[in-house]
């Protein structure tokens, strides 16, 4: 009887823990995208001849000790997990426009798996952070961070 009660409690608690972890990962991804936007703004200001960085690694230490920052190791993001491109169950990527200097970029964060998150997060040089939910038709359902919605992404 005791085992049965414990199994019922576990059946109720485990899904809530998984969803809580997913929401925490999604919130972390939004915060990381905002951090990348801030670092990109600072990078563009510090290296106007380069423009925006097209590499997460260049926004970090890139293996240096940060005594002499440069365009390839700007030391603006000191979170090694984020500059590696994988953090809290999300994969981060920056894509520049290919121009010299780079005048536009897009940063995106996608869940590594179905249990690490449900929402994709993106932003650009405008600084507006967009969240795409899984329950919208055709993968759409983009909304700005802070906008309400019922697609499972907050």
N, C-alpha and C. Protein backbone atom coordinates (compact mmCIF):
# COMPACT_ATOMS: atom_id res chain seq x y z
N UNK A 1 0.81 -1.19 0.00
CA UNK A 1 0.00 0.00 0.00
C UNK A 1 0.86 1.26 0.00
N UNK A 2 1.93 1.24 0.80
CA UNK A 2 2.83 2.39 0.88
C UNK A 2 3.51 2.61 -0.48
N UNK A 3 3.93 1.54 -1.11
CA UNK A 3 4.56 1.64 -2.43
C UNK A 3 3.59 2.23 -3.44
N UNK A 4 2.36 1.86 -3.37
CA UNK A 4 1.34 2.36 -4.29
C UNK A 4 1.16 3.87 -4.12
N UNK A 5 1.12 4.33 -2.88
CA UNK A 5 0.97 5.75 -2.60
C UNK A 5 2.19 6.52 -3.12
N UNK A 6 3.38 5.98 -2.91
CA UNK A 6 4.60 6.63 -3.39
C UNK A 6 4.62 6.71 -4.91
N UNK A 7 4.14 5.67 -5.57
CA UNK A 7 4.09 5.68 -7.04
C UNK A 7 3.11 6.72 -7.55
N UNK A 8 2.01 6.90 -6.88
CA UNK A 8 1.03 7.92 -7.28
C UNK A 8 1.62 9.32 -7.10
N UNK A 9 2.27 9.54 -5.99
CA UNK A 9 2.92 10.83 -5.74
C UNK A 9 3.99 11.10 -6.79
N UNK A 10 4.79 10.09 -7.13
CA UNK A 10 5.83 10.25 -8.14
C UNK A 10 5.22 10.53 -9.51
N UNK A 11 4.12 9.88 -9.83
CA UNK A 11 3.45 10.10 -11.12
C UNK A 11 2.94 11.52 -11.24
N UNK A 12 2.60 12.13 -10.14
CA UNK A 12 2.13 13.52 -10.16
C UNK A 12 3.32 14.49 -10.18
N UNK A 13 4.34 14.21 -9.41
CA UNK A 13 5.46 15.14 -9.23
C UNK A 13 6.43 15.17 -10.40
N UNK A 14 6.75 14.04 -10.99
CA UNK A 14 7.79 14.00 -12.03
C UNK A 14 7.46 14.86 -13.24
N UNK A 15 6.25 14.81 -13.80
CA UNK A 15 5.95 15.71 -14.93
C UNK A 15 6.07 17.19 -14.57
N UNK A 16 5.68 17.54 -13.34
CA UNK A 16 5.82 18.93 -12.91
C UNK A 16 7.28 19.34 -12.82
N UNK A 17 8.14 18.45 -12.36
CA UNK A 17 9.58 18.74 -12.30
C UNK A 17 10.16 18.92 -13.69
N UNK A 18 9.76 18.08 -14.64
CA UNK A 18 10.26 18.19 -16.02
C UNK A 18 9.82 19.52 -16.64
N UNK A 19 8.55 19.88 -16.45
CA UNK A 19 8.07 21.14 -17.01
C UNK A 19 8.73 22.34 -16.33
N UNK A 20 9.00 22.23 -15.05
CA UNK A 20 9.71 23.29 -14.35
C UNK A 20 11.12 23.48 -14.89
N UNK A 21 11.79 22.37 -15.16
CA UNK A 21 13.15 22.43 -15.72
C UNK A 21 13.12 23.05 -17.13
N UNK A 22 12.11 22.68 -17.92
CA UNK A 22 12.00 23.25 -19.27
C UNK A 22 11.76 24.76 -19.19
N UNK A 23 10.90 25.21 -18.30
CA UNK A 23 10.64 26.65 -18.16
C UNK A 23 11.90 27.37 -17.70
N UNK A 24 12.67 26.76 -16.82
CA UNK A 24 13.92 27.36 -16.36
C UNK A 24 14.92 27.46 -17.52
N UNK A 25 15.01 26.41 -18.34
CA UNK A 25 15.90 26.45 -19.51
C UNK A 25 15.48 27.55 -20.47
N UNK A 26 14.17 27.68 -20.72
CA UNK A 26 13.67 28.70 -21.64
C UNK A 26 13.97 30.11 -21.12
N UNK A 27 13.79 30.32 -19.81
CA UNK A 27 14.09 31.62 -19.21
C UNK A 27 15.59 31.92 -19.31
N UNK A 28 16.41 30.90 -19.09
CA UNK A 28 17.86 31.07 -19.22
C UNK A 28 18.24 31.42 -20.65
N UNK A 29 17.59 30.79 -21.62
CA UNK A 29 17.88 31.08 -23.03
C UNK A 29 17.52 32.51 -23.39
N UNK A 30 16.39 33.00 -22.89
CA UNK A 30 16.00 34.40 -23.14
C UNK A 30 17.04 35.34 -22.54
N UNK A 31 17.45 35.09 -21.31
CA UNK A 31 18.46 35.92 -20.66
C UNK A 31 19.79 35.87 -21.42
N UNK A 32 20.15 34.70 -21.92
CA UNK A 32 21.41 34.56 -22.67
C UNK A 32 21.35 35.33 -23.98
N UNK A 33 20.20 35.30 -24.67
CA UNK A 33 20.06 36.06 -25.92
C UNK A 33 20.19 37.56 -25.64
N UNK A 34 19.62 38.01 -24.53
CA UNK A 34 19.76 39.42 -24.15
C UNK A 34 21.22 39.76 -23.86
N UNK A 35 21.93 38.84 -23.20
CA UNK A 35 23.36 39.04 -22.93
C UNK A 35 24.15 39.14 -24.23
N UNK A 36 23.83 38.28 -25.19
CA UNK A 36 24.51 38.31 -26.49
C UNK A 36 24.23 39.64 -27.20
N UNK A 37 22.99 40.12 -27.15
CA UNK A 37 22.66 41.41 -27.77
C UNK A 37 23.49 42.54 -27.17
N UNK A 38 23.60 42.56 -25.85
CA UNK A 38 24.40 43.59 -25.18
C UNK A 38 25.86 43.50 -25.59
N UNK A 39 26.39 42.28 -25.63
CA UNK A 39 27.78 42.09 -26.03
C UNK A 39 27.99 42.50 -27.48
N UNK A 40 27.04 42.20 -28.35
CA UNK A 40 27.15 42.60 -29.76
C UNK A 40 27.18 44.12 -29.91
N UNK A 41 26.35 44.82 -29.14
CA UNK A 41 26.35 46.29 -29.18
C UNK A 41 27.72 46.82 -28.76
N UNK A 42 28.25 46.28 -27.66
CA UNK A 42 29.56 46.72 -27.17
C UNK A 42 30.66 46.37 -28.17
N UNK A 43 30.58 45.20 -28.77
CA UNK A 43 31.57 44.76 -29.77
C UNK A 43 31.55 45.70 -30.97
N UNK A 44 30.37 46.02 -31.47
CA UNK A 44 30.23 46.91 -32.62
C UNK A 44 30.80 48.30 -32.31
N UNK A 45 30.62 48.76 -31.08
CA UNK A 45 31.16 50.05 -30.66
C UNK A 45 32.68 50.00 -30.56
N UNK A 46 33.20 48.91 -30.03
CA UNK A 46 34.65 48.77 -29.84
C UNK A 46 35.40 48.49 -31.13
N UNK A 47 34.76 47.79 -32.09
CA UNK A 47 35.42 47.40 -33.34
C UNK A 47 34.55 47.80 -34.53
N UNK A 48 34.41 49.11 -34.79
CA UNK A 48 33.53 49.56 -35.87
C UNK A 48 33.98 49.11 -37.26
N UNK A 49 35.27 48.85 -37.42
CA UNK A 49 35.76 48.37 -38.72
C UNK A 49 35.34 46.92 -38.98
N UNK A 50 35.02 46.17 -37.93
CA UNK A 50 34.55 44.79 -38.06
C UNK A 50 33.02 44.76 -38.07
N UNK A 51 32.40 45.65 -37.29
CA UNK A 51 30.95 45.64 -37.15
C UNK A 51 30.55 44.67 -36.06
N UNK A 52 29.43 44.01 -36.24
CA UNK A 52 28.98 43.01 -35.27
C UNK A 52 29.78 41.72 -35.44
N UNK A 53 29.92 40.99 -34.34
CA UNK A 53 30.62 39.71 -34.40
C UNK A 53 29.72 38.65 -35.03
N UNK A 54 30.32 37.80 -35.83
CA UNK A 54 29.59 36.66 -36.41
C UNK A 54 29.94 35.36 -35.70
N UNK A 55 30.57 35.49 -34.52
CA UNK A 55 31.02 34.32 -33.78
C UNK A 55 30.83 34.53 -32.29
N UNK A 56 30.18 33.59 -31.64
CA UNK A 56 30.05 33.65 -30.19
C UNK A 56 31.41 33.60 -29.51
N UNK A 57 32.30 32.79 -30.04
CA UNK A 57 33.63 32.64 -29.44
C UNK A 57 34.37 33.98 -29.41
N UNK A 58 34.20 34.81 -30.44
CA UNK A 58 34.88 36.10 -30.48
C UNK A 58 34.36 37.06 -29.41
N UNK A 59 33.14 36.87 -28.96
CA UNK A 59 32.58 37.71 -27.90
C UNK A 59 33.11 37.31 -26.53
N UNK A 60 33.67 36.12 -26.43
CA UNK A 60 34.23 35.63 -25.17
C UNK A 60 35.73 35.78 -25.14
N UNK A 61 36.36 35.01 -24.27
CA UNK A 61 37.82 35.10 -24.12
C UNK A 61 38.56 34.34 -25.21
N UNK A 62 37.88 33.37 -25.86
CA UNK A 62 38.47 32.59 -26.95
C UNK A 62 39.82 32.00 -26.53
N UNK A 63 39.91 31.60 -25.26
CA UNK A 63 41.12 30.96 -24.75
C UNK A 63 42.19 31.92 -24.25
N UNK A 64 41.94 33.21 -24.29
CA UNK A 64 42.95 34.17 -23.83
C UNK A 64 42.75 34.47 -22.35
N UNK A 65 43.66 35.25 -21.79
CA UNK A 65 43.54 35.65 -20.39
C UNK A 65 42.86 37.02 -20.27
N UNK A 66 42.43 37.60 -21.36
CA UNK A 66 41.69 38.86 -21.42
C UNK A 66 42.50 40.08 -20.99
N UNK A 67 43.82 39.96 -21.00
CA UNK A 67 44.64 41.13 -20.68
C UNK A 67 44.68 42.11 -21.85
N UNK A 68 44.59 41.59 -23.08
CA UNK A 68 44.59 42.45 -24.26
C UNK A 68 43.46 42.02 -25.18
N UNK A 69 42.22 42.48 -24.91
CA UNK A 69 41.09 42.09 -25.76
C UNK A 69 41.29 42.56 -27.20
N UNK A 70 40.76 41.78 -28.13
CA UNK A 70 40.82 42.14 -29.55
C UNK A 70 39.50 41.70 -30.20
N UNK A 71 39.42 41.85 -31.49
CA UNK A 71 38.19 41.48 -32.19
C UNK A 71 37.96 39.97 -32.21
N UNK A 72 39.00 39.18 -31.92
CA UNK A 72 38.82 37.72 -31.88
C UNK A 72 38.72 37.17 -30.46
N UNK A 73 38.96 38.00 -29.47
CA UNK A 73 38.77 37.63 -28.06
C UNK A 73 38.38 38.89 -27.29
N UNK A 74 37.16 39.35 -27.53
CA UNK A 74 36.71 40.62 -26.97
C UNK A 74 36.46 40.58 -25.47
N UNK A 75 36.31 39.40 -24.90
CA UNK A 75 36.10 39.23 -23.45
C UNK A 75 34.87 39.99 -22.96
N UNK A 76 33.82 40.00 -23.76
CA UNK A 76 32.58 40.67 -23.38
C UNK A 76 31.61 39.71 -22.70
N UNK A 77 31.68 38.44 -23.03
CA UNK A 77 30.87 37.40 -22.37
C UNK A 77 31.84 36.43 -21.72
N UNK A 78 31.81 36.37 -20.40
CA UNK A 78 32.76 35.53 -19.69
C UNK A 78 32.19 34.15 -19.37
N UNK A 79 30.99 33.87 -19.84
CA UNK A 79 30.35 32.57 -19.64
C UNK A 79 30.83 31.62 -20.75
N UNK A 80 31.74 30.72 -20.39
CA UNK A 80 32.32 29.80 -21.38
C UNK A 80 31.27 28.90 -22.02
N UNK A 81 30.26 28.50 -21.25
CA UNK A 81 29.21 27.65 -21.81
C UNK A 81 28.46 28.40 -22.91
N UNK A 82 28.15 29.66 -22.68
CA UNK A 82 27.42 30.44 -23.68
C UNK A 82 28.27 30.68 -24.92
N UNK A 83 29.52 31.03 -24.75
CA UNK A 83 30.37 31.28 -25.92
C UNK A 83 30.72 30.00 -26.67
N UNK A 84 30.53 28.85 -26.04
CA UNK A 84 30.73 27.59 -26.75
C UNK A 84 29.53 27.27 -27.64
N UNK A 85 28.38 27.89 -27.34
CA UNK A 85 27.19 27.70 -28.16
C UNK A 85 26.16 26.75 -27.56
N UNK A 86 26.45 26.16 -26.41
CA UNK A 86 25.50 25.25 -25.77
C UNK A 86 25.41 25.59 -24.28
N UNK A 87 24.19 25.95 -23.85
CA UNK A 87 24.00 26.29 -22.44
C UNK A 87 22.58 25.96 -22.03
N UNK A 88 22.42 25.35 -20.88
CA UNK A 88 21.12 25.05 -20.27
C UNK A 88 20.15 24.38 -21.24
N UNK A 89 20.65 23.42 -22.00
CA UNK A 89 19.79 22.67 -22.90
C UNK A 89 19.43 23.40 -24.19
N UNK A 90 20.09 24.49 -24.50
CA UNK A 90 19.84 25.25 -25.72
C UNK A 90 21.11 25.40 -26.54
N UNK A 91 20.93 25.44 -27.85
CA UNK A 91 22.03 25.64 -28.79
C UNK A 91 21.92 27.06 -29.33
N UNK A 92 22.99 27.85 -29.19
CA UNK A 92 23.01 29.25 -29.60
C UNK A 92 23.86 29.41 -30.86
N UNK A 93 23.41 30.32 -31.73
CA UNK A 93 24.13 30.57 -32.97
C UNK A 93 23.97 32.03 -33.38
N UNK A 94 25.05 32.62 -33.87
CA UNK A 94 25.01 33.97 -34.44
C UNK A 94 25.30 33.85 -35.92
N UNK A 95 24.52 34.56 -36.73
CA UNK A 95 24.76 34.61 -38.17
C UNK A 95 24.84 36.08 -38.57
N UNK A 96 25.96 36.47 -39.15
CA UNK A 96 26.13 37.84 -39.63
C UNK A 96 25.69 37.96 -41.07
N UNK A 97 25.68 39.19 -41.58
CA UNK A 97 25.22 39.43 -42.95
C UNK A 97 26.29 39.18 -44.01
N UNK A 98 27.51 38.90 -43.59
CA UNK A 98 28.58 38.61 -44.54
C UNK A 98 29.28 39.84 -45.08
N UNK A 99 28.86 41.02 -44.69
CA UNK A 99 29.50 42.26 -45.15
C UNK A 99 30.67 42.62 -44.24
N UNK A 100 31.49 43.53 -44.71
CA UNK A 100 32.62 44.03 -43.93
C UNK A 100 32.52 45.54 -43.90
N UNK A 101 32.13 46.20 -42.85
CA UNK A 101 31.78 45.65 -41.55
C UNK A 101 30.39 45.01 -41.55
N UNK A 102 30.21 44.11 -40.62
CA UNK A 102 28.92 43.43 -40.46
C UNK A 102 27.93 44.41 -39.84
N UNK A 103 26.85 44.70 -40.56
CA UNK A 103 25.88 45.69 -40.07
C UNK A 103 24.61 45.06 -39.51
N UNK A 104 24.39 43.77 -39.77
CA UNK A 104 23.24 43.08 -39.20
C UNK A 104 23.67 41.69 -38.74
N UNK A 105 22.97 41.18 -37.76
CA UNK A 105 23.21 39.83 -37.29
C UNK A 105 21.89 39.26 -36.78
N UNK A 106 21.84 37.96 -36.67
CA UNK A 106 20.71 37.28 -36.05
C UNK A 106 21.28 36.28 -35.05
N UNK A 107 20.75 36.29 -33.86
CA UNK A 107 21.12 35.29 -32.86
C UNK A 107 19.90 34.41 -32.62
N UNK A 108 20.14 33.10 -32.55
CA UNK A 108 19.04 32.18 -32.32
C UNK A 108 19.43 31.17 -31.25
N UNK A 109 18.40 30.72 -30.54
CA UNK A 109 18.58 29.69 -29.51
C UNK A 109 17.49 28.65 -29.73
N UNK A 110 17.90 27.41 -29.92
CA UNK A 110 16.96 26.32 -30.15
C UNK A 110 17.20 25.23 -29.10
N UNK A 111 16.12 24.58 -28.64
CA UNK A 111 16.30 23.51 -27.65
C UNK A 111 17.10 22.35 -28.23
N UNK A 112 17.97 21.78 -27.41
CA UNK A 112 18.74 20.60 -27.82
C UNK A 112 17.85 19.40 -28.05
N UNK A 113 16.81 19.27 -27.23
CA UNK A 113 15.90 18.13 -27.33
C UNK A 113 14.52 18.55 -26.86
N UNK A 114 13.56 17.65 -26.99
CA UNK A 114 12.19 17.94 -26.59
C UNK A 114 12.04 18.07 -25.08
N UNK A 115 12.98 17.56 -24.32
CA UNK A 115 12.89 17.69 -22.87
C UNK A 115 13.68 18.87 -22.32
N UNK A 116 14.47 19.55 -23.15
CA UNK A 116 15.22 20.70 -22.65
C UNK A 116 14.46 22.01 -22.85
N UNK A 117 13.46 22.00 -23.71
CA UNK A 117 12.66 23.20 -23.94
C UNK A 117 11.71 23.01 -25.10
N UNK A 118 10.74 23.90 -25.20
CA UNK A 118 9.77 23.83 -26.29
C UNK A 118 9.85 25.03 -27.21
N UNK A 119 10.46 26.10 -26.77
CA UNK A 119 10.43 27.37 -27.49
C UNK A 119 11.79 27.68 -28.11
N UNK A 120 11.74 28.31 -29.27
CA UNK A 120 12.95 28.84 -29.90
C UNK A 120 12.98 30.34 -29.67
N UNK A 121 14.15 30.88 -29.44
CA UNK A 121 14.31 32.30 -29.14
C UNK A 121 15.23 32.89 -30.20
N UNK A 122 14.91 34.10 -30.65
CA UNK A 122 15.76 34.76 -31.64
C UNK A 122 15.77 36.26 -31.38
N UNK A 123 16.76 36.91 -31.95
CA UNK A 123 16.88 38.36 -31.85
C UNK A 123 17.81 38.83 -32.95
N UNK A 124 17.95 40.13 -33.05
CA UNK A 124 18.84 40.72 -34.05
C UNK A 124 19.39 42.02 -33.49
N UNK A 125 20.04 42.78 -34.35
CA UNK A 125 20.65 44.04 -33.92
C UNK A 125 19.62 45.04 -33.39
N UNK A 126 18.34 44.84 -33.68
CA UNK A 126 17.30 45.73 -33.14
C UNK A 126 17.16 45.57 -31.63
N UNK A 127 17.56 44.41 -31.11
CA UNK A 127 17.46 44.13 -29.68
C UNK A 127 16.16 43.49 -29.26
N UNK A 128 15.19 43.41 -30.17
CA UNK A 128 13.91 42.78 -29.84
C UNK A 128 14.08 41.27 -29.78
N UNK A 129 13.70 40.69 -28.66
CA UNK A 129 13.82 39.25 -28.46
C UNK A 129 12.47 38.62 -28.81
N UNK A 130 12.49 37.63 -29.69
CA UNK A 130 11.28 36.95 -30.15
C UNK A 130 11.30 35.50 -29.68
N UNK A 131 10.12 35.01 -29.30
CA UNK A 131 9.96 33.64 -28.84
C UNK A 131 8.99 32.95 -29.78
N UNK A 132 9.37 31.79 -30.30
CA UNK A 132 8.51 31.00 -31.17
C UNK A 132 8.05 29.76 -30.43
N UNK A 133 6.75 29.59 -30.37
CA UNK A 133 6.19 28.46 -29.65
C UNK A 133 5.94 27.28 -30.54
N UNK A 134 5.87 26.09 -29.96
CA UNK A 134 5.70 24.87 -30.73
C UNK A 134 4.26 24.61 -31.16
N UNK A 135 3.28 25.23 -30.51
CA UNK A 135 1.89 24.92 -30.77
C UNK A 135 1.23 25.81 -31.81
N UNK A 136 2.00 26.73 -32.39
CA UNK A 136 1.43 27.62 -33.39
C UNK A 136 1.48 26.93 -34.75
N UNK A 137 0.56 27.25 -35.66
CA UNK A 137 0.58 26.65 -36.99
C UNK A 137 1.88 26.94 -37.72
N UNK A 138 2.42 25.94 -38.40
CA UNK A 138 3.64 26.07 -39.21
C UNK A 138 4.83 26.56 -38.41
N UNK A 139 4.87 26.28 -37.12
CA UNK A 139 6.01 26.67 -36.30
C UNK A 139 6.05 28.16 -36.06
N UNK A 140 4.99 28.87 -36.42
CA UNK A 140 4.95 30.32 -36.25
C UNK A 140 4.70 30.66 -34.80
N UNK A 141 3.88 31.66 -34.58
CA UNK A 141 3.56 32.04 -33.22
C UNK A 141 4.61 32.89 -32.58
N UNK A 142 5.40 33.62 -33.37
CA UNK A 142 6.40 34.49 -32.81
C UNK A 142 5.73 35.56 -31.96
N UNK A 143 6.37 35.88 -30.86
CA UNK A 143 5.92 37.01 -30.06
C UNK A 143 7.13 37.60 -29.37
N UNK A 144 7.01 38.86 -29.02
CA UNK A 144 8.08 39.51 -28.30
C UNK A 144 8.08 39.03 -26.86
N UNK A 145 9.24 39.06 -26.25
CA UNK A 145 9.34 38.68 -24.84
C UNK A 145 8.52 39.68 -24.06
N UNK A 146 7.70 39.16 -23.16
CA UNK A 146 6.83 39.99 -22.36
C UNK A 146 5.41 40.00 -22.88
N UNK A 147 5.22 39.59 -24.14
CA UNK A 147 3.87 39.52 -24.69
C UNK A 147 3.18 38.28 -24.16
N UNK A 148 1.91 38.36 -23.92
CA UNK A 148 1.17 37.20 -23.43
C UNK A 148 0.89 36.22 -24.53
N UNK A 149 0.49 35.03 -24.17
CA UNK A 149 0.16 34.02 -25.17
C UNK A 149 -0.14 32.71 -24.51
N UNK A 150 -0.66 31.79 -25.29
CA UNK A 150 -1.02 30.50 -24.72
C UNK A 150 -0.35 29.37 -25.50
N UNK A 151 0.80 29.62 -26.09
CA UNK A 151 1.48 28.60 -26.87
C UNK A 151 2.45 27.78 -26.05
N UNK A 152 2.48 27.99 -24.73
CA UNK A 152 3.37 27.22 -23.88
C UNK A 152 4.70 27.87 -23.64
N UNK A 153 4.95 29.03 -24.21
CA UNK A 153 6.22 29.73 -24.02
C UNK A 153 5.95 31.02 -23.27
N UNK A 154 6.67 31.21 -22.21
CA UNK A 154 6.50 32.44 -21.41
C UNK A 154 7.79 33.18 -21.34
